[in-house]
Amino acid sequence: MSSTPRTALVTGGNRGIGLAIAHALRDAGDRVVVGCRSGQAPDDFEAVPLEVTDTASVDAAFTAAAELTGNQVEILVANAGITRDQLLMRMSDDDIDAVLDTNLVGAIRCARRASKGMLRLKRGRLIFVSSVVGLYGSPGQVNYAASKSGLVGVARSISRELGGRGITANVVAPGFIETAMTEELPADLKKQYQGAIPAGRFGAVAEVAAAVRFLASPEASYVTGAVIPVDGGLGMGH
């Protein structure tokens, strides 16, 4: 591994889990660039405009990140995602297309672009942020679950393609994490959800970020095609 700081690009890294990941990688000594639609990120992070549903935008974001840091992106964390929850019979084509295009196809676009630079470097880390829902399932989230489970197939296929080139591809699958979204849940619903989690609590964004930081580290060079749940045991066996 090079002694110079590695360049990391975190998609959707301007808030929540993505921002926590950006902090964890920066604390580990990496040069972190946040990719997000606004092209702006808090906490003095360098940021580039990134719309993962647009191939030209993806290409421009990687080029801009390399120009900012002077190095090819060596760590990609594909975290950008949206939800359009609805019962299957009421789910519109747009609800399906938007979620799959952002969460799944968007991650593939970013990985495709990242792999070019990683092949030149002969090393790299591709980390996909999935969800316990991807393997556990959830009513009203057929589109979201499909997009998140699809990331497992993406990472494992990339592992077979690029595993011999010093490039790893792994998945982190968070469960219920304390974010602005879970904060808004009614108290009785929170209690119900927590009752189903063996750990008895929601997770912290820093706990997800710690798993990503490990997968991005030199110590994880022999870990590829793995799915690491950070869900307090909620999805065990799935």
C-alpha atoms as a PDB file:
ATOM      1  CA  MET A   1       0.000   0.000   0.000  1.00  0.00           C
ATOM      2  CA  SER A   2       1.146   3.539  -0.744  1.00  0.00           C
ATOM      3  CA  SER A   3       2.176   5.732   2.190  1.00  0.00           C
ATOM      4  CA  THR A   4       0.373   8.731   0.671  1.00  0.00           C
ATOM      5  CA  PRO A   5      -3.243   9.281   1.757  1.00  0.00           C
ATOM      6  CA  ARG A   6      -5.659   7.278  -0.351  1.00  0.00           C
ATOM      7  CA  THR A   7      -8.477   9.073  -2.139  1.00  0.00           C
ATOM      8  CA  ALA A   8     -11.943   7.952  -1.026  1.00  0.00           C
ATOM      9  CA  LEU A   9     -15.226   8.944  -2.656  1.00  0.00           C
ATOM     10  CA  VAL A  10     -18.368   8.527  -0.555  1.00  0.00           C
ATOM     11  CA  THR A  11     -21.617   8.879  -2.487  1.00  0.00           C
ATOM     12  CA  GLY A  12     -24.465  10.421  -0.527  1.00  0.00           C
ATOM     13  CA  GLY A  13     -21.839  11.386   2.036  1.00  0.00           C
ATOM     14  CA  ASN A  14     -23.340  14.718   3.076  1.00  0.00           C
ATOM     15  CA  ARG A  15     -25.570  13.384   5.877  1.00  0.00           C
ATOM     16  CA  GLY A  16     -26.511  10.414   8.050  1.00  0.00           C
ATOM     17  CA  ILE A  17     -24.634   7.161   7.546  1.00  0.00           C
ATOM     18  CA  GLY A  18     -22.695   8.550   4.585  1.00  0.00           C
ATOM     19  CA  LEU A  19     -21.357  11.489   6.582  1.00  0.00           C
ATOM     20  CA  ALA A  20     -20.343   9.176   9.439  1.00  0.00           C
ATOM     21  CA  ILE A  21     -18.460   7.024   6.925  1.00  0.00           C
ATOM     22  CA  ALA A  22     -16.727  10.110   5.531  1.00  0.00           C
ATOM     23  CA  HIS A  23     -15.600  11.024   9.062  1.00  0.00           C
ATOM     24  CA  ALA A  24     -14.377   7.489   9.806  1.00  0.00           C
ATOM     25  CA  LEU A  25     -12.279   7.330   6.638  1.00  0.00           C
ATOM     26  CA  ARG A  26     -10.859  10.804   7.195  1.00  0.00           C
ATOM     27  CA  ASP A  27      -9.967   9.850  10.788  1.00  0.00           C
ATOM     28  CA  ALA A  28      -8.158   6.786   9.383  1.00  0.00           C
ATOM     29  CA  GLY A  29      -5.968   9.087   7.288  1.00  0.00           C
ATOM     30  CA  ASP A  30      -7.705   8.935   3.911  1.00  0.00           C
ATOM     31  CA  ARG A  31      -8.412  11.969   1.734  1.00  0.00           C
ATOM     32  CA  VAL A  32     -12.197  11.947   1.541  1.00  0.00           C
ATOM     33  CA  VAL A  33     -14.315  13.521  -1.187  1.00  0.00           C
ATOM     34  CA  VAL A  34     -18.075  13.552  -0.730  1.00  0.00           C
ATOM     35  CA  GLY A  35     -20.277  13.063  -3.766  1.00  0.00           C
ATOM     36  CA  CYS A  36     -23.804  14.445  -3.520  1.00  0.00           C
ATOM     37  CA  ARG A  37     -26.378  16.214  -5.658  1.00  0.00           C
ATOM     38  CA  SER A  38     -25.676  19.634  -4.148  1.00  0.00           C
ATOM     39  CA  GLY A  39     -21.907  19.302  -4.430  1.00  0.00           C
ATOM     40  CA  GLN A  40     -21.661  20.662  -0.883  1.00  0.00           C
ATOM     41  CA  ALA A  41     -20.893  18.829   2.354  1.00  0.00           C
ATOM     42  CA  PRO A  42     -20.620  19.847   6.028  1.00  0.00           C
ATOM     43  CA  ASP A  43     -17.625  19.593   8.366  1.00  0.00           C
ATOM     44  CA  ASP A  44     -15.097  20.977   5.869  1.00  0.00           C
ATOM     45  CA  PHE A  45     -15.260  17.985   3.547  1.00  0.00           C
ATOM     46  CA  GLU A  46     -14.289  18.444  -0.067  1.00  0.00           C
ATOM     47  CA  ALA A  47     -17.321  17.684  -2.215  1.00  0.00           C
ATOM     48  CA  VAL A  48     -18.230  17.205  -5.857  1.00  0.00           C
ATOM     49  CA  PRO A  49     -21.641  17.291  -7.579  1.00  0.00           C
ATOM     50  CA  LEU A  50     -22.823  13.751  -8.221  1.00  0.00           C
ATOM     51  CA  GLU A  51     -26.088  12.432  -9.631  1.00  0.00           C
ATOM     52  CA  VAL A  52     -25.693   8.644  -9.654  1.00  0.00           C
ATOM     53  CA  THR A  53     -28.512   8.185 -12.184  1.00  0.00           C
ATOM     54  CA  ASP A  54     -26.493  10.095 -14.795  1.00  0.00           C
ATOM     55  CA  THR A  55     -23.392   8.449 -16.284  1.00  0.00           C
ATOM     56  CA  ALA A  56     -21.912  11.804 -17.380  1.00  0.00           C
ATOM     57  CA  SER A  57     -22.292  13.141 -13.833  1.00  0.00           C
ATOM     58  CA  VAL A  58     -20.621  10.032 -12.390  1.00  0.00           C
ATOM     59  CA  ASP A  59     -17.698  10.389 -14.799  1.00  0.00           C
ATOM     60  CA  ALA A  60     -17.321  14.104 -14.012  1.00  0.00           C
ATOM     61  CA  ALA A  61     -17.426  13.457 -10.250  1.00  0.00           C
ATOM     62  CA  PHE A  62     -14.601  10.910 -10.384  1.00  0.00           C
ATOM     63  CA  THR A  63     -12.543  13.214 -12.593  1.00  0.00           C
ATOM     64  CA  ALA A  64     -13.131  16.115 -10.197  1.00  0.00           C
ATOM     65  CA  ALA A  65     -12.252  13.991  -7.153  1.00  0.00           C
ATOM     66  CA  ALA A  66      -8.959  12.970  -8.771  1.00  0.00           C
ATOM     67  CA  GLU A  67      -8.184  16.596  -9.616  1.00  0.00           C
ATOM     68  CA  LEU A  68      -8.925  17.715  -6.039  1.00  0.00           C
ATOM     69  CA  THR A  69      -6.673  15.125  -4.439  1.00  0.00           C
ATOM     70  CA  GLY A  70      -4.099  14.435  -7.137  1.00  0.00           C
ATOM     71  CA  ASN A  71      -4.881  10.708  -7.019  1.00  0.00           C
ATOM     72  CA  GLN A  72      -7.311   8.233  -8.577  1.00  0.00           C
ATOM     73  CA  VAL A  73     -10.193   7.173  -6.344  1.00  0.00           C
ATOM     74  CA  GLU A  74      -8.908   4.135  -4.466  1.00  0.00           C
ATOM     75  CA  ILE A  75     -11.890   3.665  -2.153  1.00  0.00           C
ATOM     76  CA  LEU A  76     -15.482   3.919  -3.343  1.00  0.00           C
ATOM     77  CA  VAL A  77     -18.295   3.796  -0.817  1.00  0.00           C
ATOM     78  CA  ALA A  78     -21.562   3.505  -2.765  1.00  0.00           C
ATOM     79  CA  ASN A  79     -23.985   4.821  -0.171  1.00  0.00           C
ATOM     80  CA  ALA A  80     -26.390   7.070  -2.103  1.00  0.00           C
ATOM     81  CA  GLY A  81     -29.943   5.799  -1.869  1.00  0.00           C
ATOM     82  CA  ILE A  82     -33.619   6.730  -1.802  1.00  0.00           C
ATOM     83  CA  THR A  83     -36.887   5.127  -0.721  1.00  0.00           C
ATOM     84  CA  ARG A  84     -40.314   5.226  -2.354  1.00  0.00           C
ATOM     85  CA  ASP A  85     -42.241   2.973   0.033  1.00  0.00           C
ATOM     86  CA  GLN A  86     -45.614   1.682  -1.086  1.00  0.00           C
ATOM     87  CA  LEU A  87     -47.577  -1.564  -1.060  1.00  0.00           C
ATOM     88  CA  LEU A  88     -46.801  -3.576  -4.180  1.00  0.00           C
ATOM     89  CA  MET A  89     -50.256  -3.255  -5.747  1.00  0.00           C
ATOM     90  CA  ARG A  90     -50.081   0.535  -5.426  1.00  0.00           C
ATOM     91  CA  MET A  91     -46.454   0.933  -6.441  1.00  0.00           C
ATOM     92  CA  SER A  92     -46.074   2.985  -9.615  1.00  0.00           C
ATOM     93  CA  ASP A  93     -43.564   2.367 -12.388  1.00  0.00           C
ATOM     94  CA  ASP A  94     -41.825   5.567 -11.315  1.00  0.00           C
ATOM     95  CA  ASP A  95     -41.548   4.291  -7.717  1.00  0.00           C
ATOM     96  CA  ILE A  96     -39.871   1.151  -9.036  1.00  0.00           C
ATOM     97  CA  ASP A  97     -37.646   2.810 -11.622  1.00  0.00           C
ATOM     98  CA  ALA A  98     -36.420   5.653  -9.409  1.00  0.00           C
ATOM     99  CA  VAL A  99     -35.370   3.399  -6.525  1.00  0.00           C
ATOM    100  CA  LEU A 100     -33.676   0.786  -8.698  1.00  0.00           C
ATOM    101  CA  ASP A 101     -31.938   3.393 -10.859  1.00  0.00           C
ATOM    102  CA  THR A 102     -30.544   5.240  -7.841  1.00  0.00           C
ATOM    103  CA  ASN A 103     -29.786   2.470  -5.354  1.00  0.00           C
ATOM    104  CA  LEU A 104     -28.718  -0.366  -7.639  1.00  0.00           C
ATOM    105  CA  VAL A 105     -27.896   0.914 -11.119  1.00  0.00           C
ATOM    106  CA  GLY A 106     -26.345   4.067  -9.636  1.00  0.00           C
ATOM    107  CA  ALA A 107     -23.994   1.924  -7.549  1.00  0.00           C
ATOM    108  CA  ILE A 108     -23.064  -0.105 -10.633  1.00  0.00           C
ATOM    109  CA  ARG A 109     -22.340   3.093 -12.596  1.00  0.00           C
ATOM    110  CA  CYS A 110     -20.045   4.324  -9.831  1.00  0.00           C
ATOM    111  CA  ALA A 111     -18.279   0.968  -9.486  1.00  0.00           C
ATOM    112  CA  ARG A 112     -17.754   0.759 -13.239  1.00  0.00           C
ATOM    113  CA  ARG A 113     -16.120   4.187 -13.280  1.00  0.00           C
ATOM    114  CA  ALA A 114     -14.079   3.524 -10.132  1.00  0.00           C
ATOM    115  CA  SER A 115     -12.740   0.219 -11.431  1.00  0.00           C
ATOM    116  CA  LYS A 116     -10.909   1.924 -14.301  1.00  0.00           C
ATOM    117  CA  GLY A 117      -8.669   3.886 -11.966  1.00  0.00           C
ATOM    118  CA  MET A 118      -8.296   0.959  -9.565  1.00  0.00           C
ATOM    119  CA  LEU A 119      -7.061  -1.296 -12.348  1.00  0.00           C
ATOM    120  CA  ARG A 120      -4.373   1.259 -13.139  1.00  0.00           C
ATOM    121  CA  LEU A 121      -3.427   1.443  -9.463  1.00  0.00           C
ATOM    122  CA  LYS A 122      -3.601  -2.370  -9.141  1.00  0.00           C
ATOM    123  CA  ARG A 123      -5.514  -1.968  -5.894  1.00  0.00           C
ATOM    124  CA  GLY A 124      -8.840  -0.652  -4.637  1.00  0.00           C
ATOM    125  CA  ARG A 125     -11.802  -1.008  -2.300  1.00  0.00           C
ATOM    126  CA  LEU A 126     -15.415  -1.076  -3.481  1.00  0.00           C
ATOM    127  CA  ILE A 127     -17.877  -0.964  -0.580  1.00  0.00           C
ATOM    128  CA  PHE A 128     -21.627  -1.062  -1.125  1.00  0.00           C
ATOM    129  CA  VAL A 129     -24.044   0.088   1.589  1.00  0.00           C
ATOM    130  CA  SER A 130     -27.012  -2.256   1.466  1.00  0.00           C
ATOM    131  CA  SER A 131     -29.631  -2.894   4.178  1.00  0.00           C
ATOM    132  CA  VAL A 132     -30.936  -5.688   6.371  1.00  0.00           C
ATOM    133  CA  VAL A 133     -34.142  -5.213   4.347  1.00  0.00           C
ATOM    134  CA  GLY A 134     -32.335  -6.514   1.259  1.00  0.00           C
ATOM    135  CA  LEU A 135     -32.175 -10.046   2.664  1.00  0.00           C
ATOM    136  CA  TYR A 136     -34.806  -9.933   5.425  1.00  0.00           C
ATOM    137  CA  GLY A 137     -37.580  -8.293   3.413  1.00  0.00           C
ATOM    138  CA  SER A 138     -40.023  -5.642   4.481  1.00  0.00           C
ATOM    139  CA  PRO A 139     -43.675  -4.989   3.565  1.00  0.00           C
ATOM    140  CA  GLY A 140     -44.063  -1.871   1.446  1.00  0.00           C
ATOM    141  CA  GLN A 141     -40.451  -2.005   0.316  1.00  0.00           C
ATOM    142  CA  VAL A 142     -40.372  -4.417  -2.625  1.00  0.00           C
ATOM    143  CA  ASN A 143     -38.496  -1.871  -4.751  1.00  0.00           C
ATOM    144  CA  TYR A 144     -36.059  -0.918  -1.991  1.00  0.00           C
ATOM    145  CA  ALA A 145     -35.397  -4.520  -0.922  1.00  0.00           C
ATOM    146  CA  ALA A 146     -34.764  -5.528  -4.544  1.00  0.00           C
ATOM    147  CA  SER A 147     -32.289  -2.674  -5.000  1.00  0.00           C
ATOM    148  CA  LYS A 148     -30.423  -3.503  -1.796  1.00  0.00           C
ATOM    149  CA  SER A 149     -30.283  -7.279  -2.286  1.00  0.00           C
ATOM    150  CA  GLY A 150     -29.024  -6.665  -5.813  1.00  0.00           C
ATOM    151  CA  LEU A 151     -25.893  -5.054  -4.381  1.00  0.00           C
ATOM    152  CA  VAL A 152     -24.827  -8.446  -3.020  1.00  0.00           C
ATOM    153  CA  GLY A 153     -24.790  -9.901  -6.522  1.00  0.00           C
ATOM    154  CA  VAL A 154     -22.917  -6.839  -7.755  1.00  0.00           C
ATOM    155  CA  ALA A 155     -20.169  -7.128  -5.132  1.00  0.00           C
ATOM    156  CA  ARG A 156     -19.750 -10.863  -5.565  1.00  0.00           C
ATOM    157  CA  SER A 157     -19.588 -10.650  -9.357  1.00  0.00           C
ATOM    158  CA  ILE A 158     -17.005  -7.861  -9.147  1.00  0.00           C
ATOM    159  CA  SER A 159     -15.015  -9.976  -6.680  1.00  0.00           C
ATOM    160  CA  ARG A 160     -14.828 -12.770  -9.248  1.00  0.00           C
ATOM    161  CA  GLU A 161     -13.881 -10.354 -12.031  1.00  0.00           C
ATOM    162  CA  LEU A 162     -11.327  -8.223 -10.209  1.00  0.00           C
ATOM    163  CA  GLY A 163     -10.281 -10.233  -7.147  1.00  0.00           C
ATOM    164  CA  GLY A 164      -6.939 -11.091  -8.726  1.00  0.00           C
ATOM    165  CA  ARG A 165      -6.116  -7.403  -9.344  1.00  0.00           C
ATOM    166  CA  GLY A 166      -5.854  -6.301  -5.718  1.00  0.00           C
ATOM    167  CA  ILE A 167      -9.423  -4.958  -5.756  1.00  0.00           C
ATOM    168  CA  THR A 168     -11.990  -6.044  -3.166  1.00  0.00           C
ATOM    169  CA  ALA A 169     -15.779  -5.611  -3.301  1.00  0.00           C
ATOM    170  CA  ASN A 170     -17.872  -5.969  -0.177  1.00  0.00           C
ATOM    171  CA  VAL A 171     -21.283  -5.122   1.256  1.00  0.00           C
ATOM    172  CA  VAL A 172     -22.253  -3.587   4.591  1.00  0.00           C
ATOM    173  CA  ALA A 173     -25.878  -4.199   5.562  1.00  0.00           C
ATOM    174  CA  PRO A 174     -27.106  -1.822   8.291  1.00  0.00           C
ATOM    175  CA  GLY A 175     -30.241  -2.559  10.270  1.00  0.00           C
ATOM    176  CA  PHE A 176     -32.225   0.034  12.201  1.00  0.00           C
ATOM    177  CA  ILE A 177     -29.804   2.910  12.736  1.00  0.00           C
ATOM    178  CA  GLU A 178     -30.396   6.090  14.730  1.00  0.00           C
ATOM    179  CA  THR A 179     -30.914   8.703  12.035  1.00  0.00           C
ATOM    180  CA  ALA A 180     -33.314  11.570  11.434  1.00  0.00           C
ATOM    181  CA  MET A 181     -35.725   9.058   9.875  1.00  0.00           C
ATOM    182  CA  THR A 182     -35.855   6.655  12.845  1.00  0.00           C
ATOM    183  CA  GLU A 183     -36.004   9.628  15.234  1.00  0.00           C
ATOM    184  CA  GLU A 184     -39.410  10.519  13.783  1.00  0.00           C
ATOM    185  CA  LEU A 185     -40.943   7.091  14.476  1.00  0.00           C
ATOM    186  CA  PRO A 186     -43.725   6.993  17.106  1.00  0.00           C
ATOM    187  CA  ALA A 187     -42.527   5.722  20.503  1.00  0.00           C
ATOM    188  CA  ASP A 188     -44.698   2.572  20.391  1.00  0.00           C
ATOM    189  CA  LEU A 189     -43.398   1.650  16.935  1.00  0.00           C
ATOM    190  CA  LYS A 190     -39.812   2.196  18.077  1.00  0.00           C
ATOM    191  CA  LYS A 191     -40.423  -0.149  21.000  1.00  0.00           C
ATOM    192  CA  GLN A 192     -41.915  -2.752  18.671  1.00  0.00           C
ATOM    193  CA  TYR A 193     -38.923  -2.607  16.326  1.00  0.00           C
ATOM    194  CA  GLN A 194     -36.432  -2.718  19.168  1.00  0.00           C
ATOM    195  CA  GLY A 195     -38.188  -5.773  20.559  1.00  0.00           C
ATOM    196  CA  ALA A 196     -37.362  -7.662  17.353  1.00  0.00           C
ATOM    197  CA  ILE A 197     -33.654  -6.766  17.552  1.00  0.00           C
ATOM    198  CA  PRO A 198     -31.587  -9.174  19.693  1.00  0.00           C
ATOM    199  CA  ALA A 199     -29.315  -6.297  20.771  1.00  0.00           C
ATOM    200  CA  GLY A 200     -32.422  -4.480  22.046  1.00  0.00           C
ATOM    201  CA  ARG A 201     -31.542  -1.111  20.549  1.00  0.00           C
ATOM    202  CA  PHE A 202     -31.036   0.794  17.336  1.00  0.00           C
ATOM    203  CA  GLY A 203     -27.480   1.120  16.045  1.00  0.00           C
ATOM    204  CA  ALA A 204     -25.364   4.244  15.769  1.00  0.00           C
ATOM    205  CA  VAL A 205     -24.105   5.623  12.459  1.00  0.00           C
ATOM    206  CA  ALA A 206     -20.562   5.325  13.849  1.00  0.00           C
ATOM    207  CA  GLU A 207     -21.033   1.557  14.187  1.00  0.00           C
ATOM    208  CA  VAL A 208     -21.837   1.252  10.486  1.00  0.00           C
ATOM    209  CA  ALA A 209     -18.926   3.536   9.641  1.00  0.00           C
ATOM    210  CA  ALA A 210     -16.547   1.343  11.676  1.00  0.00           C
ATOM    211  CA  ALA A 211     -17.407  -1.683   9.527  1.00  0.00           C
ATOM    212  CA  VAL A 212     -16.811   0.345   6.360  1.00  0.00           C
ATOM    213  CA  ARG A 213     -13.511   1.638   7.727  1.00  0.00           C
ATOM    214  CA  PHE A 214     -12.352  -1.946   8.331  1.00  0.00           C
ATOM    215  CA  LEU A 215     -13.309  -3.069   4.817  1.00  0.00           C
ATOM    216  CA  ALA A 216     -11.438  -0.074   3.393  1.00  0.00           C
ATOM    217  CA  SER A 217      -8.330  -0.801   5.445  1.00  0.00           C
ATOM    218  CA  PRO A 218      -5.185  -2.681   4.372  1.00  0.00           C
ATOM    219  CA  GLU A 219      -6.072  -5.319   6.995  1.00  0.00           C
ATOM    220  CA  ALA A 220      -9.119  -6.312   4.927  1.00  0.00           C
ATOM    221  CA  SER A 221      -7.126  -7.197   1.810  1.00  0.00           C
ATOM    222  CA  TYR A 222      -8.293 -10.857   1.939  1.00  0.00           C
ATOM    223  CA  VAL A 223     -11.965 -10.013   2.531  1.00  0.00           C
ATOM    224  CA  THR A 224     -14.007  -9.806  -0.662  1.00  0.00           C
ATOM    225  CA  GLY A 225     -17.527 -10.758  -1.658  1.00  0.00           C
ATOM    226  CA  ALA A 226     -18.570 -10.544   1.988  1.00  0.00           C
ATOM    227  CA  VAL A 227     -21.808  -9.209   3.458  1.00  0.00           C
ATOM    228  CA  ILE A 228     -21.248  -7.700   6.886  1.00  0.00           C
ATOM    229  CA  PRO A 229     -24.477  -7.075   8.807  1.00  0.00           C
ATOM    230  CA  VAL A 230     -24.505  -4.205  11.287  1.00  0.00           C
ATOM    231  CA  ASP A 231     -27.996  -4.808  12.583  1.00  0.00           C
ATOM    232  CA  GLY A 232     -27.839  -5.981  16.193  1.00  0.00           C
ATOM    233  CA  GLY A 233     -28.681  -9.508  15.060  1.00  0.00           C
ATOM    234  CA  LEU A 234     -32.008  -8.613  13.392  1.00  0.00           C
ATOM    235  CA  GLY A 235     -31.261 -10.393  10.100  1.00  0.00           C
ATOM    236  CA  MET A 236     -29.427 -13.442  11.458  1.00  0.00           C
ATOM    237  CA  GLY A 237     -29.365 -16.305   8.984  1.00  0.00           C
ATOM    238  CA  HIS A 238     -30.542 -14.225   6.039  1.00  0.00           C
END
